[in-house]
C-alpha atoms as a PDB file:
ATOM      1  CA  MET A   1      -0.028  -0.001   0.004  1.00  0.00           C
ATOM      2  CA  ASN A   2       1.454   3.377  -0.931  1.00  0.00           C
ATOM      3  CA  THR A   3       1.697   6.363   1.395  1.00  0.00           C
ATOM      4  CA  ASP A   4      -1.102   8.224  -0.361  1.00  0.00           C
ATOM      5  CA  SER A   5      -3.458   5.362   0.374  1.00  0.00           C
ATOM      6  CA  VAL A   6      -2.429   5.300   4.036  1.00  0.00           C
ATOM      7  CA  ALA A   7      -3.065   9.059   4.297  1.00  0.00           C
ATOM      8  CA  VAL A   8      -6.563   8.675   2.809  1.00  0.00           C
ATOM      9  CA  LEU A   9      -7.406   5.816   5.192  1.00  0.00           C
ATOM     10  CA  SER A  10      -6.184   7.795   8.164  1.00  0.00           C
ATOM     11  CA  ALA A  11      -8.282  10.803   7.180  1.00  0.00           C
ATOM     12  CA  ASN A  12     -11.327   8.625   6.738  1.00  0.00           C
ATOM     13  CA  SER A  13     -10.746   6.960  10.108  1.00  0.00           C
ATOM     14  CA  ARG A  14     -10.446  10.357  11.814  1.00  0.00           C
ATOM     15  CA  SER A  15     -13.726  11.472  10.177  1.00  0.00           C
ATOM     16  CA  ALA A  16     -15.492   8.311  11.278  1.00  0.00           C
ATOM     17  CA  ILE A  17     -14.279   8.732  14.844  1.00  0.00           C
ATOM     18  CA  LEU A  18     -15.333  12.366  14.930  1.00  0.00           C
ATOM     19  CA  LEU A  19     -18.786  11.483  13.577  1.00  0.00           C
ATOM     20  CA  ALA A  20     -19.199   8.703  16.150  1.00  0.00           C
ATOM     21  CA  VAL A  21     -18.206  11.046  19.008  1.00  0.00           C
ATOM     22  CA  LEU A  22     -20.566  13.733  17.752  1.00  0.00           C
ATOM     23  CA  ALA A  23     -23.425  11.208  17.579  1.00  0.00           C
ATOM     24  CA  LEU A  24     -22.787  10.119  21.173  1.00  0.00           C
ATOM     25  CA  MET A  25     -22.670  13.716  22.341  1.00  0.00           C
ATOM     26  CA  LEU A  26     -25.961  14.557  20.643  1.00  0.00           C
ATOM     27  CA  HIS A  27     -27.574  11.394  22.022  1.00  0.00           C
ATOM     28  CA  GLY A  28     -26.595  12.412  25.534  1.00  0.00           C
ATOM     29  CA  CYS A  29     -28.098  15.858  25.067  1.00  0.00           C
ATOM     30  CA  VAL A  30     -31.478  14.663  23.773  1.00  0.00           C
ATOM     31  CA  ARG A  31     -34.428  15.363  26.029  1.00  0.00           C
ATOM     32  CA  GLU A  32     -37.935  13.985  25.833  1.00  0.00           C
ATOM     33  CA  PRO A  33     -39.899  16.021  23.302  1.00  0.00           C
ATOM     34  CA  GLN A  34     -42.283  18.453  25.013  1.00  0.00           C
ATOM     35  CA  ALA A  35     -45.063  20.148  23.084  1.00  0.00           C
ATOM     36  CA  GLY A  36     -45.849  17.764  20.266  1.00  0.00           C
ATOM     37  CA  HIS A  37     -44.409  14.702  22.024  1.00  0.00           C
ATOM     38  CA  GLN A  38     -44.123  11.343  20.342  1.00  0.00           C
ATOM     39  CA  ARG A  39     -47.272   9.298  19.873  1.00  0.00           C
ATOM     40  CA  VAL A  40     -46.571   6.620  22.510  1.00  0.00           C
ATOM     41  CA  GLY A  41     -49.012   4.936  24.884  1.00  0.00           C
ATOM     42  CA  ALA A  42     -51.968   6.765  26.449  1.00  0.00           C
ATOM     43  CA  LEU A  43     -50.269  10.204  26.603  1.00  0.00           C
ATOM     44  CA  GLY A  44     -49.355   9.923  22.950  1.00  0.00           C
ATOM     45  CA  ARG A  45     -53.016  10.434  22.028  1.00  0.00           C
ATOM     46  CA  TYR A  46     -52.893  13.997  23.277  1.00  0.00           C
ATOM     47  CA  PRO A  47     -51.027  16.779  21.423  1.00  0.00           C
ATOM     48  CA  MET A  48     -51.522  19.026  24.469  1.00  0.00           C
ATOM     49  CA  THR A  49     -51.435  22.286  22.577  1.00  0.00           C
ATOM     50  CA  SER A  50     -53.403  25.498  23.089  1.00  0.00           C
ATOM     51  CA  GLU A  51     -55.619  24.371  20.183  1.00  0.00           C
ATOM     52  CA  THR A  52     -56.566  21.074  21.866  1.00  0.00           C
ATOM     53  CA  VAL A  53     -57.361  22.300  25.420  1.00  0.00           C
ATOM     54  CA  GLN A  54     -60.223  23.991  27.209  1.00  0.00           C
ATOM     55  CA  GLN A  55     -59.686  25.149  30.779  1.00  0.00           C
ATOM     56  CA  TRP A  56     -62.445  26.135  33.187  1.00  0.00           C
ATOM     57  CA  LYS A  57     -62.293  28.213  36.339  1.00  0.00           C
ATOM     58  CA  LEU A  58     -64.305  26.439  39.025  1.00  0.00           C
ATOM     59  CA  PRO A  59     -66.518  27.927  41.770  1.00  0.00           C
ATOM     60  CA  LYS A  60     -64.723  29.640  44.697  1.00  0.00           C
ATOM     61  CA  LYS A  61     -65.520  26.798  47.108  1.00  0.00           C
ATOM     62  CA  LEU A  62     -63.278  24.564  44.963  1.00  0.00           C
ATOM     63  CA  ARG A  63     -59.947  26.332  45.464  1.00  0.00           C
ATOM     64  CA  GLU A  64     -58.068  23.201  46.400  1.00  0.00           C
ATOM     65  CA  ILE A  65     -59.002  20.173  44.336  1.00  0.00           C
ATOM     66  CA  SER A  66     -56.775  17.266  45.402  1.00  0.00           C
ATOM     67  CA  GLY A  67     -58.242  14.426  43.335  1.00  0.00           C
ATOM     68  CA  LEU A  68     -60.523  13.496  40.448  1.00  0.00           C
ATOM     69  CA  ALA A  69     -62.563  10.355  39.629  1.00  0.00           C
ATOM     70  CA  ILE A  70     -64.948   9.312  36.863  1.00  0.00           C
ATOM     71  CA  ASP A  71     -67.911   7.018  37.602  1.00  0.00           C
ATOM     72  CA  ALA A  72     -69.422   4.317  35.354  1.00  0.00           C
ATOM     73  CA  ASP A  73     -71.784   6.899  33.837  1.00  0.00           C
ATOM     74  CA  GLY A  74     -68.925   9.221  32.887  1.00  0.00           C
ATOM     75  CA  ARG A  75     -69.635  11.801  35.613  1.00  0.00           C
ATOM     76  CA  LEU A  76     -66.699  13.630  37.167  1.00  0.00           C
ATOM     77  CA  PHE A  77     -66.253  13.898  40.916  1.00  0.00           C
ATOM     78  CA  ALA A  78     -63.656  15.898  42.863  1.00  0.00           C
ATOM     79  CA  ILE A  79     -62.438  16.115  46.400  1.00  0.00           C
ATOM     80  CA  THR A  80     -60.868  18.958  48.336  1.00  0.00           C
ATOM     81  CA  ASP A  81     -58.050  18.360  50.845  1.00  0.00           C
ATOM     82  CA  GLU A  82     -59.395  19.595  54.165  1.00  0.00           C
ATOM     83  CA  GLU A  83     -62.943  18.146  54.451  1.00  0.00           C
ATOM     84  CA  ALA A  84     -64.680  14.985  53.189  1.00  0.00           C
ATOM     85  CA  ILE A  85     -66.927  16.798  50.753  1.00  0.00           C
ATOM     86  CA  VAL A  86     -67.434  15.277  47.320  1.00  0.00           C
ATOM     87  CA  TYR A  87     -68.284  17.563  44.416  1.00  0.00           C
ATOM     88  CA  GLN A  88     -69.761  16.588  41.053  1.00  0.00           C
ATOM     89  CA  VAL A  89     -68.387  18.855  38.333  1.00  0.00           C
ATOM     90  CA  ASP A  90     -69.491  19.146  34.723  1.00  0.00           C
ATOM     91  CA  PHE A  91     -66.146  19.202  32.889  1.00  0.00           C
ATOM     92  CA  GLU A  92     -67.830  20.378  29.692  1.00  0.00           C
ATOM     93  CA  ASP A  93     -68.450  23.839  31.187  1.00  0.00           C
ATOM     94  CA  GLY A  94     -66.892  23.870  34.723  1.00  0.00           C
ATOM     95  CA  ARG A  95     -70.308  23.982  36.409  1.00  0.00           C
ATOM     96  CA  LEU A  96     -70.781  22.567  39.909  1.00  0.00           C
ATOM     97  CA  VAL A  97     -73.600  19.988  39.770  1.00  0.00           C
ATOM     98  CA  LYS A  98     -73.887  18.939  43.381  1.00  0.00           C
ATOM     99  CA  ALA A  99     -71.997  18.303  46.641  1.00  0.00           C
ATOM    100  CA  PHE A 100     -72.455  15.861  49.498  1.00  0.00           C
ATOM    101  CA  ALA A 101     -70.468  15.195  52.700  1.00  0.00           C
ATOM    102  CA  LEU A 102     -69.294  12.389  54.859  1.00  0.00           C
ATOM    103  CA  GLY A 103     -70.651  12.379  58.442  1.00  0.00           C
ATOM    104  CA  LYS A 104     -72.271  14.990  60.647  1.00  0.00           C
ATOM    105  CA  PRO A 105     -70.259  17.020  61.420  1.00  0.00           C
ATOM    106  CA  THR A 106     -68.289  16.694  58.212  1.00  0.00           C
ATOM    107  CA  VAL A 107     -65.206  14.487  58.524  1.00  0.00           C
ATOM    108  CA  LYS A 108     -62.017  16.483  58.394  1.00  0.00           C
ATOM    109  CA  GLY A 109     -58.595  15.352  57.257  1.00  0.00           C
ATOM    110  CA  ASP A 110     -55.893  15.720  54.681  1.00  0.00           C
ATOM    111  CA  PHE A 111     -57.743  14.093  51.778  1.00  0.00           C
ATOM    112  CA  GLU A 112     -55.582  13.395  48.746  1.00  0.00           C
ATOM    113  CA  GLY A 113     -57.434  10.994  46.479  1.00  0.00           C
ATOM    114  CA  ILE A 114     -60.810   9.752  45.305  1.00  0.00           C
ATOM    115  CA  ALA A 115     -61.780   6.647  43.332  1.00  0.00           C
ATOM    116  CA  ILE A 116     -65.103   5.039  42.299  1.00  0.00           C
ATOM    117  CA  ASP A 117     -65.798   1.362  41.717  1.00  0.00           C
ATOM    118  CA  ARG A 118     -69.255  -0.002  40.780  1.00  0.00           C
ATOM    119  CA  GLY A 119     -71.095   2.605  42.848  1.00  0.00           C
ATOM    120  CA  ASP A 120     -68.715   2.507  45.792  1.00  0.00           C
ATOM    121  CA  PHE A 121     -66.768   5.732  46.489  1.00  0.00           C
ATOM    122  CA  PHE A 122     -63.374   5.731  48.159  1.00  0.00           C
ATOM    123  CA  LEU A 123     -61.384   8.572  49.695  1.00  0.00           C
ATOM    124  CA  THR A 124     -57.850   8.430  51.117  1.00  0.00           C
ATOM    125  CA  THR A 125     -55.953  10.750  53.424  1.00  0.00           C
ATOM    126  CA  SER A 126     -52.236  11.362  53.130  1.00  0.00           C
ATOM    127  CA  GLU A 127     -51.786   8.825  55.926  1.00  0.00           C
ATOM    128  CA  GLY A 128     -53.679   6.137  54.091  1.00  0.00           C
ATOM    129  CA  ASP A 129     -56.931   6.239  56.038  1.00  0.00           C
ATOM    130  CA  LEU A 130     -59.491   4.841  53.596  1.00  0.00           C
ATOM    131  CA  TYR A 131     -63.166   5.895  53.618  1.00  0.00           C
ATOM    132  CA  ARG A 132     -65.802   3.850  51.735  1.00  0.00           C
ATOM    133  CA  PHE A 133     -69.346   5.124  51.110  1.00  0.00           C
ATOM    134  CA  ARG A 134     -72.151   5.425  48.578  1.00  0.00           C
ATOM    135  CA  GLU A 135     -73.143   8.496  46.560  1.00  0.00           C
ATOM    136  CA  GLY A 136     -75.331  11.081  48.188  1.00  0.00           C
ATOM    137  CA  ASP A 137     -77.815  13.636  46.872  1.00  0.00           C
ATOM    138  CA  ASP A 138     -77.003  17.332  46.774  1.00  0.00           C
ATOM    139  CA  GLY A 139     -76.519  18.559  50.337  1.00  0.00           C
ATOM    140  CA  GLU A 140     -76.854  15.100  51.850  1.00  0.00           C
ATOM    141  CA  ARG A 141     -74.623  13.697  54.588  1.00  0.00           C
ATOM    142  CA  VAL A 142     -73.760  10.025  54.045  1.00  0.00           C
ATOM    143  CA  ASP A 143     -72.528   7.205  56.295  1.00  0.00           C
ATOM    144  CA  TYR A 144     -69.120   5.678  55.725  1.00  0.00           C
ATOM    145  CA  ALA A 145     -66.792   2.855  56.747  1.00  0.00           C
ATOM    146  CA  LYS A 146     -63.220   3.753  57.664  1.00  0.00           C
ATOM    147  CA  THR A 147     -60.151   1.507  57.266  1.00  0.00           C
ATOM    148  CA  GLU A 148     -56.704   2.368  58.620  1.00  0.00           C
ATOM    149  CA  THR A 149     -54.501   0.790  55.964  1.00  0.00           C
ATOM    150  CA  GLY A 150     -51.215   1.603  57.672  1.00  0.00           C
ATOM    151  CA  LEU A 151     -49.737   2.620  54.318  1.00  0.00           C
ATOM    152  CA  GLY A 152     -48.837   6.009  55.739  1.00  0.00           C
ATOM    153  CA  GLU A 153     -46.049   4.349  57.680  1.00  0.00           C
ATOM    154  CA  HIS A 154     -44.281   3.716  54.393  1.00  0.00           C
ATOM    155  CA  CYS A 155     -45.042   6.961  52.529  1.00  0.00           C
ATOM    156  CA  GLU A 156     -47.158  10.068  52.202  1.00  0.00           C
ATOM    157  CA  ILE A 157     -50.136   9.160  49.997  1.00  0.00           C
ATOM    158  CA  GLU A 158     -51.003  11.674  47.310  1.00  0.00           C
ATOM    159  CA  GLY A 159     -53.273   9.922  44.827  1.00  0.00           C
ATOM    160  CA  LEU A 160     -55.863   7.167  44.414  1.00  0.00           C
ATOM    161  CA  ALA A 161     -57.134   5.242  41.417  1.00  0.00           C
ATOM    162  CA  ILE A 162     -59.069   2.092  40.632  1.00  0.00           C
ATOM    163  CA  ARG A 163     -57.930  -0.847  38.429  1.00  0.00           C
ATOM    164  CA  GLU A 164     -59.707  -4.208  38.086  1.00  0.00           C
ATOM    165  CA  ARG A 165     -61.259  -4.305  41.549  1.00  0.00           C
ATOM    166  CA  GLU A 166     -58.175  -2.991  43.284  1.00  0.00           C
ATOM    167  CA  LEU A 167     -57.222   0.427  44.640  1.00  0.00           C
ATOM    168  CA  LEU A 168     -53.934   2.021  43.719  1.00  0.00           C
ATOM    169  CA  PHE A 169     -52.365   4.323  46.318  1.00  0.00           C
ATOM    170  CA  LEU A 170     -49.753   6.686  44.925  1.00  0.00           C
ATOM    171  CA  CYS A 171     -46.753   7.657  47.096  1.00  0.00           C
ATOM    172  CA  LYS A 172     -45.566  11.236  47.047  1.00  0.00           C
ATOM    173  CA  ASN A 173     -42.761  10.989  49.598  1.00  0.00           C
ATOM    174  CA  VAL A 174     -41.502   7.579  50.725  1.00  0.00           C
ATOM    175  CA  ARG A 175     -40.663   7.010  54.388  1.00  0.00           C
ATOM    176  CA  SER A 176     -39.291   3.463  54.302  1.00  0.00           C
ATOM    177  CA  ARG A 177     -35.555   3.102  53.620  1.00  0.00           C
ATOM    178  CA  SER A 178     -36.178   0.211  51.231  1.00  0.00           C
ATOM    179  CA  MET A 179     -38.306   2.471  49.005  1.00  0.00           C
ATOM    180  CA  LEU A 180     -35.934   5.397  48.683  1.00  0.00           C
ATOM    181  CA  ASP A 181     -35.388   6.724  45.188  1.00  0.00           C
ATOM    182  CA  LYS A 182     -38.320   4.740  43.807  1.00  0.00           C
ATOM    183  CA  LEU A 183     -41.746   5.512  42.354  1.00  0.00           C
ATOM    184  CA  VAL A 184     -44.083   3.431  44.600  1.00  0.00           C
ATOM    185  CA  ILE A 185     -47.752   2.471  44.128  1.00  0.00           C
ATOM    186  CA  PHE A 186     -49.520   0.239  46.662  1.00  0.00           C
ATOM    187  CA  ARG A 187     -52.228  -2.220  45.565  1.00  0.00           C
ATOM    188  CA  TRP A 188     -55.204  -2.660  47.901  1.00  0.00           C
ATOM    189  CA  PRO A 189     -58.347  -4.785  47.493  1.00  0.00           C
ATOM    190  CA  THR A 190     -61.788  -3.198  47.085  1.00  0.00           C
ATOM    191  CA  SER A 191     -63.553  -6.152  48.689  1.00  0.00           C
ATOM    192  CA  PRO A 192     -65.209  -5.210  51.996  1.00  0.00           C
ATOM    193  CA  GLY A 193     -63.672  -6.854  54.995  1.00  0.00           C
ATOM    194  CA  VAL A 194     -60.260  -7.498  53.335  1.00  0.00           C
ATOM    195  CA  HIS A 195     -57.713  -5.288  55.057  1.00  0.00           C
ATOM    196  CA  GLU A 196     -54.259  -6.163  53.765  1.00  0.00           C
ATOM    197  CA  MET A 197     -52.141  -5.033  50.849  1.00  0.00           C
ATOM    198  CA  ILE A 198     -52.187  -7.099  47.674  1.00  0.00           C
ATOM    199  CA  GLY A 199     -48.782  -5.973  46.510  1.00  0.00           C
ATOM    200  CA  MET A 200     -46.982  -2.951  45.083  1.00  0.00           C
ATOM    201  CA  ILE A 201     -45.588  -1.470  41.928  1.00  0.00           C
ATOM    202  CA  GLU A 202     -42.036  -0.086  42.058  1.00  0.00           C
ATOM    203  CA  LEU A 203     -39.952   1.740  39.493  1.00  0.00           C
ATOM    204  CA  PRO A 204     -36.504   3.334  40.056  1.00  0.00           C
ATOM    205  CA  GLU A 205     -36.889   7.115  39.935  1.00  0.00           C
ATOM    206  CA  ALA A 206     -33.685   7.425  37.929  1.00  0.00           C
ATOM    207  CA  LYS A 207     -35.375   5.904  34.867  1.00  0.00           C
ATOM    208  CA  ILE A 208     -37.902   8.767  34.921  1.00  0.00           C
ATOM    209  CA  LEU A 209     -35.579  11.578  35.973  1.00  0.00           C
ATOM    210  CA  ASP A 210     -33.099  10.875  33.200  1.00  0.00           C
ATOM    211  CA  ARG A 211     -35.837  11.545  30.665  1.00  0.00           C
ATOM    212  CA  VAL A 212     -37.141  14.814  32.093  1.00  0.00           C
ATOM    213  CA  GLY A 213     -34.000  16.486  33.461  1.00  0.00           C
ATOM    214  CA  ARG A 214     -35.243  16.616  37.073  1.00  0.00           C
ATOM    215  CA  ASP A 215     -33.447  15.568  40.281  1.00  0.00           C
ATOM    216  CA  HIS A 216     -36.438  14.227  42.165  1.00  0.00           C
ATOM    217  CA  LEU A 217     -40.111  13.241  41.689  1.00  0.00           C
ATOM    218  CA  ASN A 218     -43.067  14.061  43.924  1.00  0.00           C
ATOM    219  CA  PRO A 219     -46.206  12.547  42.314  1.00  0.00           C
ATOM    220  CA  SER A 220     -49.476  14.297  43.034  1.00  0.00           C
ATOM    221  CA  GLY A 221     -52.182  12.457  41.027  1.00  0.00           C
ATOM    222  CA  LEU A 222     -52.847   9.067  39.387  1.00  0.00           C
ATOM    223  CA  ALA A 223     -55.209   7.790  36.682  1.00  0.00           C
ATOM    224  CA  VAL A 224     -55.734   4.547  34.813  1.00  0.00           C
ATOM    225  CA  ASP A 225     -56.206   4.647  31.023  1.00  0.00           C
ATOM    226  CA  ALA A 226     -58.933   2.137  30.109  1.00  0.00           C
ATOM    227  CA  ALA A 227     -57.729   1.827  26.502  1.00  0.00           C
ATOM    228  CA  THR A 228     -54.198   0.645  27.304  1.00  0.00           C
ATOM    229  CA  GLY A 229     -54.374  -0.350  30.975  1.00  0.00           C
ATOM    230  CA  ASN A 230     -51.449   2.011  31.586  1.00  0.00           C
ATOM    231  CA  LEU A 231     -51.074   4.175  34.666  1.00  0.00           C
ATOM    232  CA  VAL A 232     -50.538   7.894  34.180  1.00  0.00           C
ATOM    233  CA  LEU A 233     -49.383  10.186  36.953  1.00  0.00           C
ATOM    234  CA  VAL A 234     -48.722  13.866  37.255  1.00  0.00           C
ATOM    235  CA  ALA A 235     -46.144  15.549  39.498  1.00  0.00           C
ATOM    236  CA  ALA A 236     -47.184  19.094  40.369  1.00  0.00           C
ATOM    237  CA  GLN A 237     -43.856  20.300  41.755  1.00  0.00           C
ATOM    238  CA  GLN A 238     -41.787  19.073  38.833  1.00  0.00           C
ATOM    239  CA  LYS A 239     -44.507  19.703  36.193  1.00  0.00           C
ATOM    240  CA  VAL A 240     -44.000  16.238  34.782  1.00  0.00           C
ATOM    241  CA  LEU A 241     -46.266  13.535  33.308  1.00  0.00           C
ATOM    242  CA  VAL A 242     -45.255   9.872  33.629  1.00  0.00           C
ATOM    243  CA  GLU A 243     -46.807   6.786  32.040  1.00  0.00           C
ATOM    244  CA  ILE A 244     -46.059   3.233  33.120  1.00  0.00           C
ATOM    245  CA  ASN A 245     -47.562  -0.061  31.938  1.00  0.00           C
ATOM    246  CA  ALA A 246     -49.544  -2.521  34.100  1.00  0.00           C
ATOM    247  CA  ASP A 247     -46.388  -4.214  35.317  1.00  0.00           C
ATOM    248  CA  GLY A 248     -44.605  -1.013  36.219  1.00  0.00           C
ATOM    249  CA  GLY A 249     -42.426  -0.619  33.125  1.00  0.00           C
ATOM    250  CA  LEU A 250     -41.807   2.925  32.010  1.00  0.00           C
ATOM    251  CA  VAL A 251     -43.680   3.865  28.805  1.00  0.00           C
ATOM    252  CA  GLN A 252     -42.730   7.557  28.686  1.00  0.00           C
ATOM    253  CA  ALA A 253     -42.025  10.582  30.833  1.00  0.00           C
ATOM    254  CA  LEU A 254     -42.204  14.214  29.756  1.00  0.00           C
ATOM    255  CA  ARG A 255     -42.283  17.707  31.008  1.00  0.00           C
ATOM    256  CA  MET A 256     -45.787  19.045  30.806  1.00  0.00           C
ATOM    257  CA  PRO A 257     -46.481  20.999  27.621  1.00  0.00           C
ATOM    258  CA  LEU A 258     -48.371  24.219  28.352  1.00  0.00           C
ATOM    259  CA  LYS A 259     -46.962  24.104  31.877  1.00  0.00           C
ATOM    260  CA  GLY A 260     -47.882  27.757  32.287  1.00  0.00           C
ATOM    261  CA  ARG A 261     -51.527  26.664  32.478  1.00  0.00           C
ATOM    262  CA  HIS A 262     -50.882  24.418  35.424  1.00  0.00           C
ATOM    263  CA  ARG A 263     -50.234  26.237  38.670  1.00  0.00           C
ATOM    264  CA  GLN A 264     -50.333  23.038  40.780  1.00  0.00           C
ATOM    265  CA  ALA A 265     -51.636  19.912  39.060  1.00  0.00           C
ATOM    266  CA  GLU A 266     -53.103  17.667  41.765  1.00  0.00           C
ATOM    267  CA  GLY A 267     -55.743  15.645  39.913  1.00  0.00           C
ATOM    268  CA  ILE A 268     -55.736  13.642  36.695  1.00  0.00           C
ATOM    269  CA  GLU A 269     -58.360  11.441  35.017  1.00  0.00           C
ATOM    270  CA  PHE A 270     -59.564  10.134  31.659  1.00  0.00           C
ATOM    271  CA  SER A 271     -63.137  10.703  30.528  1.00  0.00           C
ATOM    272  CA  HIS A 272     -65.171   7.944  28.827  1.00  0.00           C
ATOM    273  CA  SER A 273     -65.290  10.051  25.710  1.00  0.00           C
ATOM    274  CA  GLY A 274     -61.509  10.196  25.447  1.00  0.00           C
ATOM    275  CA  GLN A 275     -60.471  13.482  27.054  1.00  0.00           C
ATOM    276  CA  LEU A 276     -57.558  13.878  29.445  1.00  0.00           C
ATOM    277  CA  LEU A 277     -58.557  15.928  32.515  1.00  0.00           C
ATOM    278  CA  ILE A 278     -56.064  17.698  34.747  1.00  0.00           C
ATOM    279  CA  SER A 279     -57.112  19.770  37.786  1.00  0.00           C
ATOM    280  CA  ASP A 280     -55.040  22.523  39.426  1.00  0.00           C
ATOM    281  CA  GLU A 281     -55.265  23.914  42.931  1.00  0.00           C
ATOM    282  CA  GLY A 282     -55.949  27.604  42.932  1.00  0.00           C
ATOM    283  CA  GLY A 283     -54.081  28.772  45.988  1.00  0.00           C
ATOM    284  CA  ASN A 284     -55.583  32.191  46.600  1.00  0.00           C
ATOM    285  CA  ARG A 285     -57.463  31.916  43.278  1.00  0.00           C
ATOM    286  CA  ARG A 286     -60.036  29.582  41.883  1.00  0.00           C
ATOM    287  CA  ALA A 287     -59.146  26.005  41.023  1.00  0.00           C
ATOM    288  CA  ARG A 288     -59.173  24.984  37.354  1.00  0.00           C
ATOM    289  CA  ILE A 289     -59.822  21.910  35.236  1.00  0.00           C
ATOM    290  CA  ALA A 290     -58.054  21.551  31.857  1.00  0.00           C
ATOM    291  CA  VAL A 291     -59.704  19.289  29.271  1.00  0.00           C
ATOM    292  CA  TYR A 292     -57.330  17.971  26.604  1.00  0.00           C
ATOM    293  CA  SER A 293     -58.747  16.448  23.391  1.00  0.00           C
ATOM    294  CA  GLU A 294     -57.255  13.543  21.525  1.00  0.00           C
ATOM    295  CA  ALA A 295     -55.441  13.963  18.239  1.00  0.00           C
ATOM    296  CA  GLU A 296     -57.623  13.678  15.170  1.00  0.00           C
ATOM    297  CA  PRO A 297     -57.181  10.493  13.092  1.00  0.00           C
ATOM    298  CA  GLY A 298     -54.178  10.917  10.838  1.00  0.00           C
ATOM    299  CA  GLU A 299     -52.969  13.977  12.746  1.00  0.00           C
ATOM    300  CA  LYS A 300     -49.211  13.904  13.470  1.00  0.00           C
ATOM    301  CA  ASN A 301     -48.262  14.143  17.125  1.00  0.00           C
ATOM    302  CA  GLU A 302     -44.498  14.315  16.936  1.00  0.00           C
END
């Protein structure tokens, strides 16, 4: 081989190495797409743009919505975080339909989640105290059964959802050493009289944080997507959405598009007609509910 050939090969080798290094650098800098994220899983159905969202200001008495739930008829119910009062809200216009309370006087506590299963309503406090009751009429006070799950010993509960006859308790801040640096969801039976945990879903936080460029995760709301069976959670503090499959595998994680619309996202739910609902606490203002529509057939979402 002559010297000219050697020179050409060396130049080509250097170019190949430089291209490989550049590719690795770019790969390391890639972040999860935000507005117009990839069409993956349940969240992939929603472009989450200003053109696909409606947002309603709710009545003043609903300044602090801490959880959302849809019943079998597609009606939306919400809970505030200081008293056991359940509100039915029309998410098509933000109108308050009715409200009923637990007990007389009204039960007080740090309520962080609501779920509905075949006519049974469930509320949880941040310590994992579970309240079970039936729906009441407007202004009615209803009886309830209370279960101390003991889950609060392991973490601060911040969300509740229903999946195939089991309740899912979402952890915001873990307290057990064995659960540190993990996303944790407890599984609890809905059957009356059964008072022990079925199991739990765990996912290392690092898998999520690497995708969204955050150093911690404090989940604040949980929903189950009926179409995929996936779990979708929102983290108000980090303004992040996370989707995992039924077994706890990460589907996707992204920073919330239109994050300026979400002061403090505490509730999340899917409507029967295919909308994604996210509620925000109002602080000194009125709470809001954002209603995101699905992408139209054939519409690109990437």
